[in-house]
Amino acid sequence: MGTLGLDTERGLFLGIDFGTTNSVVSIYNFQEGEAQTIPIDGSNIFPTAIQFESDPEDENKLSRIFGVQAKEAAIIYPLSTVLSIKRYLGSEQKISVVVDEKEYPFTPEQIAGEILGHLKQKADEYAQEELGITGEFSGCVITVPANSTDKQKKMTKDAAVLAGFDPESIFLRLEPAASAISYAVGESADKKVLVYDFGGGTFDACVLQIKVEETGEPSISILSTYGDNNLGGNDVDKIIMDIVYEEFKKLTNEEIDLFDENADDGVSKRQKKVALVRLQQAANQAKERLSHTKSTKITLAPLIQEPRIVNINMEITREQFLSHQRVNALGDSDAIFEKFQGKSVTDLIEETLQCVTRCLEAGELKEADIDEIFLVGGSSSILYVGEKITERFGKEPFKSRISPALSISQGAAHYCNMIMMPTVRGPVVHERTIHPLGLEISGRRFLEIVPAGQDIPKEGLTIDAAEPLVTNHDNLTSVAIVVYESTLPTGEKTPSVNQEGMKRLAGTSLRGIPQGPRGQEKVKVIFHVGQDNMLKVMAHSLSTDGVMTELSVDELYA
């Protein structure tokens, strides 16, 4: 496989589905004319996991273990292993790693960058050794949930830079759009497609319009999207963990709390950490089996050994799996537990269907308008999901020739093709704004500046606010610029920014404006949305004797 006249000035691009639980990388094979998944450490599906240990050659350094080995090491070394890092992107929470009783703090993007760097290195080696491609992957297309915040996208880009990718060659694309490309390749008819994406950490519903152009190639437009960034397969796993933990409480007369490291119950912190990792992994494996069988056994013998041996040996039926209502916090924060307390797997699937409803409403669509349903993400393989989709839409989900676990990454590889060989025909995605964007104005009201459904050209979409903002008090020297995104259904006008469905993206102050009476000072605001749906907001004073000031939403997170 050669480069076949690639745009070598831009380098080679790697398509990455960076998932909460697993990650997949793909490239576009120009010789075969199709996307191809690259095996990392011998497997197409790579656990998004990293484990740290002391460097044998330098005690002041740490060495790293990735993927399957790291996931397995978590059972023995839970304090030095990090799983599900994607859920932390967008937060300021530090990740603490303990190696040989010494604590090392990391930011979420540093951990994500370490994992992405390993994926890049292994992909470089495979491309050179197995495919005969010279050079390395200097660019990448990373997919992100459709409901990602601007801050989550920014931290994902930062992680890619830390991984060694060229900052100017890192592109973010929405997961549902990438999976739709995998679906659309070879399509010969116009269709509206619902992408139901139930991943490890997030859920997204997205409706896409696929039209076959005169060239015979599909053209894809995003009509609407809606999702939940805190609803995923990990939360399904927690319900199975809850079933097992209830059994553990019976066996121990509720005298041992595995989630309280400081409890005086005779169980060491380390033993509790190990037990919880084993419990999490057993729950995940049971979920996968219950997606295809009517019952499964969970055996953890022993789960703990001190102060006494406790063995778990139980059978869970699919009915239990679907109907058990969660009763334990299982280490979650109060806010997260409040969201999931008393919920069953059936309830969680119903919440995904409510997201589907909001997605259809946002696009002013009915079930009858949907021609095909495309399931994506590991938890979408739960049989009950397919049953509920069939019941609601009157048709079974599309049976793809591509594994749902690989479709997002392979769609990202098609994006890579568009970047490296822009003159080559293939599926084209017309990027659009997903939700309205705007500012908070007096009275805590939302001023829409960028409507939903606006086409985003290659150079990005730039929109000026229709009217300048004005000061609402005398002698102000600064004004607040607070950016919001509305995920409310289409048609709801000038909502309050504090109502459910309004998402605060960023905020700062425009300082140095000249003092004057109320309403005299005017501020011009400009929104710029890139094709990766990353947002920049510029604001400056219009006074002839005032200070010109600009800001970028990106810079607020530095």
Protein backbone atom coordinates (compact mmCIF):
# COMPACT_ATOMS: atom_id res chain seq x y z
CA MET A 1 0.00 0.00 0.00
CA GLY A 2 1.58 3.28 -1.08
CA THR A 3 0.64 6.84 -0.51
CA LEU A 4 -0.74 7.19 -4.07
CA GLY A 5 -0.25 10.90 -4.48
CA LEU A 6 -1.40 11.89 -1.03
CA ASP A 7 -1.25 15.51 0.04
CA THR A 8 2.10 14.80 1.70
CA GLU A 9 2.49 18.37 2.90
CA ARG A 10 -0.33 17.70 5.34
CA GLY A 11 1.08 14.29 6.32
CA LEU A 12 -0.81 11.11 7.12
CA PHE A 13 -4.03 11.20 9.16
CA LEU A 14 -5.33 8.66 11.66
CA GLY A 15 -9.05 8.19 12.47
CA ILE A 16 -9.55 7.73 16.21
CA ASP A 17 -12.66 6.72 18.15
CA PHE A 18 -11.43 7.64 21.64
CA GLY A 19 -13.98 5.89 23.83
CA THR A 20 -14.73 5.80 27.53
CA THR A 21 -14.23 2.04 27.76
CA ASN A 22 -12.54 1.14 24.48
CA SER A 23 -10.81 2.95 21.63
CA VAL A 24 -10.43 2.06 17.94
CA VAL A 25 -8.12 3.50 15.28
CA SER A 26 -8.53 3.29 11.51
CA ILE A 27 -6.93 4.59 8.33
CA TYR A 28 -8.15 5.01 4.79
CA ASN A 29 -6.64 2.36 2.54
CA PHE A 30 -6.21 4.18 -0.76
CA GLN A 31 -5.20 1.03 -2.60
CA GLU A 32 -8.41 -0.78 -1.63
CA GLY A 33 -10.53 2.38 -1.57
CA GLU A 34 -11.97 1.70 1.88
CA ALA A 35 -11.48 2.34 5.57
CA GLN A 36 -9.39 -0.18 7.48
CA THR A 37 -9.12 -0.67 11.24
CA ILE A 38 -5.57 -1.03 12.57
CA PRO A 39 -5.05 -3.66 15.27
CA ILE A 40 -3.36 -2.25 18.34
CA ASP A 41 -1.44 -4.82 20.38
CA GLY A 42 -3.13 -7.53 18.30
CA SER A 43 -6.76 -6.43 18.65
CA ASN A 44 -9.09 -4.07 16.79
CA ILE A 45 -10.64 -2.96 20.09
CA PHE A 46 -8.23 -1.36 22.55
CA PRO A 47 -9.23 -0.86 26.22
CA THR A 48 -8.86 2.83 27.11
CA ALA A 49 -6.65 2.09 30.11
CA ILE A 50 -3.22 3.01 31.43
CA GLN A 51 -1.18 1.70 34.35
CA PHE A 52 1.89 3.38 35.82
CA GLU A 53 4.82 1.67 37.52
CA SER A 54 8.33 2.59 38.63
CA ASP A 55 10.94 2.73 35.90
CA PRO A 56 13.52 0.03 36.76
CA GLU A 57 16.31 2.19 35.32
CA ASP A 58 15.35 5.45 37.03
CA GLU A 59 13.40 5.51 40.31
CA ASN A 60 12.38 9.12 39.66
CA LYS A 61 10.56 8.20 36.46
CA LEU A 62 7.42 6.25 35.69
CA SER A 63 6.94 3.65 32.98
CA ARG A 64 3.56 2.94 31.37
CA ILE A 65 1.49 -0.11 30.45
CA PHE A 66 -1.53 0.31 28.16
CA GLY A 67 -4.67 -1.46 26.95
CA VAL A 68 -5.50 -5.04 27.91
CA GLN A 69 -2.48 -5.39 30.18
CA ALA A 70 -3.40 -2.19 32.02
CA LYS A 71 -7.02 -3.26 32.38
CA GLU A 72 -5.95 -6.60 33.83
CA ALA A 73 -3.34 -4.91 36.04
CA ALA A 74 -6.10 -2.79 37.58
CA ILE A 75 -7.16 -5.85 39.58
CA ILE A 76 -3.75 -6.07 41.25
CA TYR A 77 -2.67 -2.41 41.07
CA PRO A 78 -5.87 -0.34 41.30
CA LEU A 79 -4.14 2.74 42.72
CA SER A 80 -1.77 3.06 39.77
CA THR A 81 -4.30 2.31 37.02
CA VAL A 82 -6.64 4.79 35.31
CA LEU A 83 -9.81 3.69 33.49
CA SER A 84 -12.62 5.69 31.78
CA ILE A 85 -10.55 8.88 31.49
CA LYS A 86 -12.90 10.27 28.83
CA ARG A 87 -15.50 10.96 31.52
CA TYR A 88 -13.09 13.41 33.16
CA LEU A 89 -12.35 15.44 30.03
CA GLY A 90 -13.98 18.81 30.48
CA SER A 91 -13.45 18.87 34.24
CA GLU A 92 -10.69 20.39 36.37
CA GLN A 93 -10.46 17.27 38.54
CA LYS A 94 -6.93 16.01 39.10
CA ILE A 95 -6.26 12.30 38.59
CA SER A 96 -4.21 10.84 41.45
CA VAL A 97 -1.93 7.89 40.70
CA VAL A 98 -0.09 6.10 43.52
CA VAL A 99 3.07 4.12 42.69
CA ASP A 100 5.20 2.62 45.47
CA GLU A 101 3.31 4.73 48.02
CA LYS A 102 4.20 7.95 46.18
CA GLU A 103 1.38 10.06 44.74
CA TYR A 104 1.56 11.58 41.26
CA PRO A 105 -1.11 14.09 40.13
CA PHE A 106 -2.18 14.27 36.47
CA THR A 107 -4.71 16.36 34.60
CA PRO A 108 -7.35 14.49 32.54
CA GLU A 109 -5.81 15.66 29.26
CA GLN A 110 -2.37 14.41 30.35
CA ILE A 111 -3.73 10.90 30.93
CA ALA A 112 -5.73 11.01 27.68
CA GLY A 113 -2.60 12.27 25.88
CA GLU A 114 -0.57 9.32 27.18
CA ILE A 115 -3.13 6.85 25.81
CA LEU A 116 -3.49 8.67 22.47
CA GLY A 117 0.31 8.76 22.21
CA HIS A 118 0.44 4.98 22.57
CA LEU A 119 -2.24 4.57 19.89
CA LYS A 120 -0.26 6.86 17.58
CA GLN A 121 3.01 4.99 18.17
CA LYS A 122 1.44 1.58 17.52
CA ALA A 123 -0.38 2.86 14.42
CA ASP A 124 2.89 4.32 13.09
CA GLU A 125 4.64 0.97 13.57
CA TYR A 126 1.83 -1.01 11.94
CA ALA A 127 1.61 1.32 8.95
CA GLN A 128 5.36 1.14 8.36
CA GLU A 129 5.89 -2.56 9.02
CA GLU A 130 2.67 -4.13 7.71
CA LEU A 131 1.41 -1.64 5.11
CA GLY A 132 4.71 -0.31 3.77
CA ILE A 133 3.75 3.33 4.37
CA THR A 134 6.63 5.71 4.96
CA GLY A 135 6.39 8.51 7.49
CA GLU A 136 4.16 8.79 10.52
CA PHE A 137 0.69 10.01 11.44
CA SER A 138 1.14 13.72 12.02
CA GLY A 139 -2.59 14.46 11.87
CA CYS A 140 -5.75 12.87 13.22
CA VAL A 141 -9.52 13.01 13.19
CA ILE A 142 -10.85 12.30 16.69
CA THR A 143 -14.55 11.71 17.18
CA VAL A 144 -16.44 13.27 20.10
CA PRO A 145 -20.01 12.83 21.38
CA ALA A 146 -22.54 15.07 19.62
CA ASN A 147 -23.48 16.59 22.97
CA SER A 148 -19.89 17.48 23.94
CA THR A 149 -19.27 20.85 25.51
CA ASP A 150 -16.77 23.27 24.04
CA LYS A 151 -14.49 22.61 27.02
CA GLN A 152 -14.55 18.84 26.47
CA LYS A 153 -13.58 19.37 22.84
CA LYS A 154 -10.79 21.75 23.82
CA MET A 155 -9.31 19.26 26.31
CA THR A 156 -9.56 16.47 23.73
CA LYS A 157 -7.52 18.60 21.32
CA ASP A 158 -5.00 19.38 24.06
CA ALA A 159 -4.61 15.64 24.70
CA ALA A 160 -3.95 15.03 21.00
CA VAL A 161 -1.23 17.70 21.03
CA LEU A 162 0.39 16.01 24.05
CA ALA A 163 0.22 12.72 22.11
CA GLY A 164 2.47 14.19 19.40
CA PHE A 165 0.00 15.20 16.70
CA ASP A 166 0.53 18.49 14.84
CA PRO A 167 -1.71 21.12 16.51
CA GLU A 168 -2.78 22.42 13.08
CA SER A 169 -3.71 18.91 11.90
CA ILE A 170 -6.07 17.83 14.69
CA PHE A 171 -9.72 17.72 13.66
CA LEU A 172 -12.73 16.85 15.80
CA ARG A 173 -15.83 15.32 14.27
CA LEU A 174 -19.10 14.17 15.81
CA GLU A 175 -19.42 10.46 16.56
CA PRO A 176 -22.89 10.01 15.00
CA ALA A 177 -21.78 11.70 11.76
CA ALA A 178 -18.70 9.47 11.59
CA SER A 179 -20.75 6.32 12.11
CA ALA A 180 -23.22 7.52 9.47
CA ILE A 181 -20.42 7.69 6.92
CA SER A 182 -19.71 4.00 7.57
CA TYR A 183 -23.40 3.34 7.02
CA ALA A 184 -23.71 5.58 3.94
CA VAL A 185 -20.83 4.12 1.91
CA GLY A 186 -22.47 2.36 -1.01
CA GLU A 187 -25.94 3.77 -0.30
CA SER A 188 -27.99 4.21 -3.45
CA ALA A 189 -31.15 5.86 -2.10
CA ASP A 190 -32.07 9.02 -0.21
CA LYS A 191 -32.83 8.31 3.46
CA LYS A 192 -33.29 9.84 6.88
CA VAL A 193 -31.30 7.81 9.39
CA LEU A 194 -31.47 7.80 13.18
CA VAL A 195 -28.10 7.02 14.78
CA TYR A 196 -28.63 5.53 18.27
CA ASP A 197 -25.22 5.69 19.96
CA PHE A 198 -25.09 4.02 23.39
CA GLY A 199 -21.40 4.14 24.29
CA GLY A 200 -19.48 3.46 27.48
CA GLY A 201 -19.86 6.92 28.99
CA THR A 202 -22.35 8.86 26.88
CA PHE A 203 -25.54 8.54 24.86
CA ASP A 204 -26.25 10.40 21.62
CA ALA A 205 -29.22 10.36 19.28
CA CYS A 206 -28.73 11.98 15.89
CA VAL A 207 -30.86 12.21 12.74
CA LEU A 208 -29.03 12.47 9.44
CA GLN A 209 -30.26 13.15 5.93
CA ILE A 210 -28.46 11.04 3.33
CA LYS A 211 -28.87 12.12 -0.27
CA VAL A 212 -27.26 10.47 -3.25
CA GLU A 213 -25.76 13.13 -5.52
CA GLU A 214 -25.56 13.00 -9.32
CA THR A 215 -22.02 11.67 -8.93
CA GLY A 216 -23.46 8.62 -7.17
CA GLU A 217 -21.79 9.53 -3.88
CA PRO A 218 -23.79 10.05 -0.66
CA SER A 219 -24.10 13.49 0.86
CA ILE A 220 -24.81 13.60 4.61
CA SER A 221 -26.40 16.43 6.58
CA ILE A 222 -27.06 16.46 10.33
CA LEU A 223 -30.70 17.41 10.92
CA SER A 224 -30.77 17.23 14.72
CA THR A 225 -29.06 15.71 17.72
CA TYR A 226 -29.68 15.26 21.42
CA GLY A 227 -27.80 13.37 24.10
CA ASP A 228 -26.72 12.84 27.68
CA ASN A 229 -23.05 13.10 28.62
CA ASN A 230 -23.65 11.16 31.85
CA LEU A 231 -25.54 8.13 30.59
CA GLY A 232 -23.70 5.17 29.15
CA GLY A 233 -22.74 1.53 29.39
CA ASN A 234 -20.76 2.21 32.56
CA ASP A 235 -24.05 3.10 34.26
CA VAL A 236 -25.55 -0.19 33.08
CA ASP A 237 -22.53 -1.95 34.61
CA LYS A 238 -23.23 -0.17 37.89
CA ILE A 239 -26.67 -1.78 38.08
CA ILE A 240 -25.12 -5.25 37.77
CA MET A 241 -22.55 -4.22 40.39
CA ASP A 242 -25.49 -3.23 42.59
CA ILE A 243 -27.04 -6.71 42.24
CA VAL A 244 -23.76 -8.33 43.26
CA TYR A 245 -23.12 -5.85 46.07
CA GLU A 246 -26.54 -6.60 47.56
CA GLU A 247 -25.46 -10.26 47.73
CA PHE A 248 -22.16 -9.21 49.32
CA LYS A 249 -24.03 -7.21 51.98
CA LYS A 250 -26.14 -10.26 52.85
CA LEU A 251 -23.08 -12.47 53.17
CA THR A 252 -21.36 -9.96 55.46
CA ASN A 253 -24.44 -8.81 57.41
CA GLU A 254 -23.67 -5.31 56.07
CA GLU A 255 -20.65 -5.12 58.37
CA ILE A 256 -18.22 -4.28 55.53
CA ASP A 257 -18.39 -1.21 53.29
CA LEU A 258 -16.16 -1.72 50.24
CA PHE A 259 -16.66 1.91 49.22
CA ASP A 260 -15.49 3.46 52.49
CA GLU A 261 -11.72 3.16 52.57
CA ASN A 262 -11.53 4.57 56.11
CA ALA A 263 -14.15 2.32 57.69
CA ASP A 264 -12.86 0.24 60.62
CA ASP A 265 -14.17 -3.07 59.28
CA GLY A 266 -10.97 -5.09 59.03
CA VAL A 267 -10.56 -4.72 55.24
CA SER A 268 -7.50 -2.81 54.01
CA LYS A 269 -7.75 0.05 51.50
CA ARG A 270 -5.78 -1.95 48.96
CA GLN A 271 -8.02 -5.02 49.32
CA LYS A 272 -11.10 -2.83 48.82
CA LYS A 273 -9.60 -1.25 45.69
CA VAL A 274 -8.80 -4.66 44.23
CA ALA A 275 -12.27 -6.00 45.08
CA LEU A 276 -13.99 -3.05 43.38
CA VAL A 277 -11.96 -3.37 40.19
CA ARG A 278 -12.78 -7.09 40.04
CA LEU A 279 -16.43 -6.30 40.69
CA GLN A 280 -16.47 -3.68 37.89
CA GLN A 281 -14.85 -6.03 35.39
CA ALA A 282 -17.16 -8.93 36.33
CA ALA A 283 -20.19 -6.65 35.85
CA ASN A 284 -18.99 -5.50 32.43
CA GLN A 285 -18.44 -9.09 31.28
CA ALA A 286 -21.84 -10.15 32.63
CA LYS A 287 -23.51 -7.30 30.70
CA GLU A 288 -21.91 -8.51 27.47
CA ARG A 289 -23.07 -12.09 28.09
CA LEU A 290 -26.59 -11.03 29.08
CA SER A 291 -26.88 -9.19 25.78
CA HIS A 292 -27.05 -12.62 24.12
CA THR A 293 -28.00 -15.19 26.80
CA LYS A 294 -30.88 -15.54 29.25
CA SER A 295 -28.66 -15.86 32.33
CA THR A 296 -25.03 -15.79 33.41
CA LYS A 297 -22.96 -16.72 36.44
CA ILE A 298 -20.73 -14.37 38.38
CA THR A 299 -18.03 -16.02 40.42
CA LEU A 300 -15.64 -13.99 42.53
CA ALA A 301 -13.96 -16.51 44.80
CA PRO A 302 -12.80 -14.97 46.96
CA LEU A 303 -13.86 -11.33 46.64
CA ILE A 304 -12.11 -10.49 49.91
CA GLN A 305 -9.95 -12.60 52.23
CA GLU A 306 -9.65 -10.45 55.37
CA PRO A 307 -11.06 -10.30 58.01
CA ARG A 308 -12.75 -13.38 56.57
CA ILE A 309 -13.09 -15.02 53.19
CA VAL A 310 -16.17 -13.91 51.25
CA ASN A 311 -16.99 -15.80 48.05
CA ILE A 312 -19.49 -14.58 45.45
CA ASN A 313 -21.10 -17.32 43.37
CA MET A 314 -24.42 -16.28 41.91
CA GLU A 315 -26.52 -16.42 38.78
CA ILE A 316 -28.12 -13.35 37.25
CA THR A 317 -31.02 -13.73 34.83
CA ARG A 318 -31.75 -11.33 32.01
CA GLU A 319 -34.97 -10.40 33.84
CA GLN A 320 -32.96 -9.41 36.92
CA PHE A 321 -30.53 -7.53 34.73
CA LEU A 322 -33.31 -5.46 33.18
CA SER A 323 -35.52 -4.90 36.23
CA HIS A 324 -33.21 -4.53 39.26
CA GLN A 325 -33.45 -1.04 40.75
CA ARG A 326 -30.19 0.41 41.98
CA VAL A 327 -30.00 1.08 45.73
CA ASN A 328 -26.28 1.66 46.45
CA ALA A 329 -24.14 4.74 45.69
CA LEU A 330 -21.23 2.48 44.66
CA GLY A 331 -18.75 5.31 45.10
CA ASP A 332 -20.62 7.81 42.92
CA SER A 333 -21.01 11.45 43.96
CA ASP A 334 -24.28 12.49 45.58
CA ALA A 335 -25.38 14.22 42.36
CA ILE A 336 -24.68 11.20 40.16
CA PHE A 337 -26.28 8.76 42.61
CA GLU A 338 -29.37 10.95 42.82
CA LYS A 339 -29.69 10.63 39.05
CA PHE A 340 -29.49 6.82 39.08
CA GLN A 341 -30.98 5.84 42.45
CA GLY A 342 -33.94 3.51 41.99
CA LYS A 343 -33.28 3.18 38.25
CA SER A 344 -33.15 -0.12 36.39
CA VAL A 345 -31.54 -0.97 33.05
CA THR A 346 -35.02 -0.71 31.55
CA ASP A 347 -35.26 2.82 32.98
CA LEU A 348 -31.87 3.78 31.52
CA ILE A 349 -32.90 2.51 28.10
CA GLU A 350 -36.14 4.47 28.46
CA GLU A 351 -34.04 7.59 29.16
CA THR A 352 -32.14 6.99 25.92
CA LEU A 353 -35.48 6.82 24.12
CA GLN A 354 -36.47 10.12 25.72
CA CYS A 355 -33.30 11.57 24.20
CA VAL A 356 -34.48 10.13 20.87
CA THR A 357 -37.79 11.93 21.38
CA ARG A 358 -36.02 15.25 22.03
CA CYS A 359 -33.85 14.65 18.97
CA LEU A 360 -36.90 14.11 16.76
CA GLU A 361 -38.61 17.19 18.24
CA ALA A 362 -35.53 19.32 17.58
CA GLY A 363 -35.65 18.29 13.93
CA GLU A 364 -39.45 18.61 13.75
CA LEU A 365 -39.63 14.96 12.75
CA LYS A 366 -41.92 12.02 13.45
CA GLU A 367 -41.09 8.32 13.73
CA ALA A 368 -42.62 7.77 10.30
CA ASP A 369 -40.02 10.15 8.79
CA ILE A 370 -37.15 7.82 9.79
CA ASP A 371 -36.20 5.32 7.10
CA GLU A 372 -33.45 3.46 8.96
CA ILE A 373 -32.06 3.12 12.49
CA PHE A 374 -28.34 2.56 12.92
CA LEU A 375 -27.18 1.20 16.31
CA VAL A 376 -23.73 2.25 17.52
CA GLY A 377 -21.82 1.59 20.75
CA GLY A 378 -21.36 -1.55 22.82
CA SER A 379 -24.48 -1.18 24.97
CA SER A 380 -26.72 -0.88 21.91
CA SER A 381 -26.25 -4.65 21.52
CA ILE A 382 -28.52 -5.25 24.56
CA LEU A 383 -31.46 -7.14 23.05
CA TYR A 384 -34.00 -4.96 24.85
CA VAL A 385 -32.67 -1.93 22.96
CA GLY A 386 -33.42 -3.53 19.60
CA GLU A 387 -36.84 -4.64 20.81
CA LYS A 388 -37.82 -1.12 21.96
CA ILE A 389 -36.52 0.47 18.77
CA THR A 390 -38.49 -2.03 16.66
CA GLU A 391 -41.61 -1.46 18.76
CA ARG A 392 -41.37 2.31 18.44
CA PHE A 393 -40.40 2.69 14.78
CA GLY A 394 -42.09 -0.39 13.34
CA LYS A 395 -38.84 -1.61 11.79
CA GLU A 396 -35.79 -3.48 12.98
CA PRO A 397 -32.46 -1.67 13.27
CA PHE A 398 -30.14 -1.84 10.28
CA LYS A 399 -27.83 -4.87 10.26
CA SER A 400 -24.48 -3.38 9.34
CA ARG A 401 -21.65 -5.32 7.75
CA ILE A 402 -19.39 -3.28 10.02
CA SER A 403 -19.29 -3.97 13.76
CA PRO A 404 -20.97 -1.13 15.71
CA ALA A 405 -17.76 -0.96 17.74
CA LEU A 406 -15.69 -0.18 14.60
CA SER A 407 -18.07 2.03 12.63
CA ILE A 408 -17.18 5.35 14.31
CA SER A 409 -13.44 4.92 13.81
CA GLN A 410 -13.88 3.85 10.19
CA GLY A 411 -16.10 6.86 9.57
CA ALA A 412 -13.32 9.02 11.03
CA ALA A 413 -10.95 7.39 8.53
CA HIS A 414 -13.22 8.58 5.70
CA TYR A 415 -12.83 12.09 7.09
CA CYS A 416 -9.06 11.53 6.92
CA ASN A 417 -9.47 10.66 3.24
CA MET A 418 -11.27 13.96 2.64
CA ILE A 419 -8.43 15.86 4.30
CA MET A 420 -5.54 14.01 2.63
CA MET A 421 -7.11 13.75 -0.83
CA PRO A 422 -9.76 16.46 -1.08
CA THR A 423 -10.21 15.92 -4.83
CA VAL A 424 -11.13 12.24 -4.44
CA ARG A 425 -14.83 11.41 -4.49
CA GLY A 426 -16.44 9.83 -1.46
CA PRO A 427 -19.10 10.43 1.18
CA VAL A 428 -19.38 14.11 2.09
CA VAL A 429 -20.70 15.41 5.40
CA HIS A 430 -22.22 18.88 5.37
CA GLU A 431 -21.39 20.18 8.82
CA ARG A 432 -24.08 22.22 10.53
CA THR A 433 -24.50 23.92 13.86
CA ILE A 434 -26.19 21.49 16.22
CA HIS A 435 -27.80 23.79 18.80
CA PRO A 436 -28.45 27.55 19.02
CA LEU A 437 -25.58 29.52 20.52
CA GLY A 438 -25.79 32.91 22.17
CA LEU A 439 -25.23 35.13 25.19
CA GLU A 440 -26.80 35.78 28.55
CA ILE A 441 -28.37 39.26 28.66
CA SER A 442 -30.09 41.22 31.42
CA GLY A 443 -32.83 39.36 33.24
CA ARG A 444 -30.86 36.12 32.79
CA ARG A 445 -32.37 35.77 29.32
CA PHE A 446 -30.81 33.99 26.35
CA LEU A 447 -29.96 36.05 23.25
CA GLU A 448 -29.61 33.68 20.30
CA ILE A 449 -26.82 34.66 17.89
CA VAL A 450 -26.07 31.46 15.96
CA PRO A 451 -29.21 29.48 15.03
CA ALA A 452 -29.24 25.70 14.86
CA GLY A 453 -28.98 24.06 11.45
CA GLN A 454 -26.64 26.63 9.88
CA ASP A 455 -24.27 25.23 7.26
CA ILE A 456 -20.62 25.52 8.31
CA PRO A 457 -18.32 26.19 5.33
CA LYS A 458 -14.73 24.93 5.28
CA GLU A 459 -13.42 28.27 6.52
CA GLY A 460 -15.93 28.24 9.38
CA LEU A 461 -19.15 30.11 10.09
CA THR A 462 -18.88 33.72 11.32
CA ILE A 463 -21.97 35.56 12.59
CA ASP A 464 -22.18 39.03 14.13
CA ALA A 465 -24.78 39.69 16.78
CA ALA A 466 -27.67 41.54 15.11
CA GLU A 467 -27.29 44.48 17.47
CA PRO A 468 -24.48 45.62 19.77
CA LEU A 469 -24.80 44.93 23.49
CA VAL A 470 -25.20 48.01 25.67
CA THR A 471 -24.33 48.71 29.29
CA ASN A 472 -27.26 48.43 31.71
CA HIS A 473 -25.77 50.62 34.51
CA ASP A 474 -23.98 53.96 34.71
CA ASN A 475 -20.17 54.20 34.72
CA LEU A 476 -19.39 50.53 34.10
CA THR A 477 -15.78 49.73 33.21
CA SER A 478 -16.41 46.08 32.24
CA VAL A 479 -19.22 43.91 30.94
CA ALA A 480 -19.76 40.16 31.34
CA ILE A 481 -19.65 38.00 28.22
CA VAL A 482 -21.32 34.68 29.13
CA VAL A 483 -21.82 32.14 26.34
CA TYR A 484 -24.65 29.59 26.36
CA GLU A 485 -25.87 26.75 24.17
CA SER A 486 -29.55 25.86 24.04
CA THR A 487 -30.49 22.19 23.76
CA LEU A 488 -34.19 23.00 24.09
CA PRO A 489 -36.65 21.78 21.44
CA THR A 490 -37.06 23.94 18.36
CA GLY A 491 -39.56 26.78 18.72
CA GLU A 492 -38.97 27.80 22.34
CA LYS A 493 -37.95 31.48 22.15
CA THR A 494 -35.74 33.62 24.44
CA PRO A 495 -35.68 31.13 27.32
CA SER A 496 -34.13 31.82 30.69
CA VAL A 497 -30.51 30.66 30.84
CA ASN A 498 -31.10 28.88 34.16
CA GLN A 499 -33.77 26.50 32.90
CA GLU A 500 -33.11 22.86 32.12
CA GLY A 501 -31.66 22.40 28.65
CA MET A 502 -29.49 25.53 28.72
CA LYS A 503 -25.75 24.75 28.83
CA ARG A 504 -23.21 27.34 29.99
CA LEU A 505 -20.12 27.06 27.81
CA ALA A 506 -17.86 29.83 29.07
CA GLY A 507 -17.75 33.28 30.57
CA THR A 508 -15.35 36.18 30.94
CA SER A 509 -15.31 39.97 31.30
CA LEU A 510 -14.58 42.60 28.68
CA ARG A 511 -12.53 45.09 30.68
CA GLY A 512 -11.30 48.62 30.04
CA ILE A 513 -14.41 50.15 28.46
CA PRO A 514 -14.79 53.92 29.11
CA GLN A 515 -17.24 55.04 31.77
CA GLY A 516 -20.47 56.66 30.74
CA PRO A 517 -24.20 56.74 31.33
CA ARG A 518 -26.26 53.60 31.02
CA GLY A 519 -26.77 52.50 27.41
CA GLN A 520 -24.09 54.75 25.95
CA GLU A 521 -21.32 52.15 25.66
CA LYS A 522 -21.83 49.56 22.93
CA VAL A 523 -20.05 46.21 22.53
CA LYS A 524 -19.86 44.28 19.25
CA VAL A 525 -19.94 40.48 19.60
CA ILE A 526 -18.88 38.01 16.89
CA PHE A 527 -19.32 34.21 17.00
CA HIS A 528 -17.13 31.91 14.88
CA VAL A 529 -17.92 28.18 14.64
CA GLY A 530 -15.37 25.86 13.00
CA GLN A 531 -16.22 22.67 11.15
CA ASP A 532 -15.42 20.72 14.30
CA ASN A 533 -18.16 22.76 16.06
CA MET A 534 -15.50 24.45 18.22
CA LEU A 535 -16.60 27.96 19.13
CA LYS A 536 -14.71 31.24 19.37
CA VAL A 537 -16.35 34.43 20.56
CA MET A 538 -14.86 37.88 19.98
CA ALA A 539 -16.08 41.07 21.63
CA HIS A 540 -14.82 44.62 21.46
CA SER A 541 -15.88 48.11 22.46
CA LEU A 542 -17.25 50.35 19.71
CA SER A 543 -16.24 53.61 21.44
CA THR A 544 -13.97 55.87 19.42
CA ASP A 545 -12.01 56.61 22.57
CA GLY A 546 -12.46 53.19 24.16
CA VAL A 547 -10.11 50.26 24.46
CA MET A 548 -10.36 47.62 21.72
CA THR A 549 -10.48 44.20 23.38
CA GLU A 550 -10.91 40.73 21.98
CA LEU A 551 -11.39 37.37 23.64
CA SER A 552 -11.67 33.78 22.54
CA VAL A 553 -13.68 31.11 24.30
CA ASP A 554 -10.75 28.73 23.79
CA GLU A 555 -8.47 30.99 25.80
CA LEU A 556 -10.78 30.89 28.81
CA TYR A 557 -9.73 27.31 29.47
CA ALA A 558 -5.97 27.88 29.36
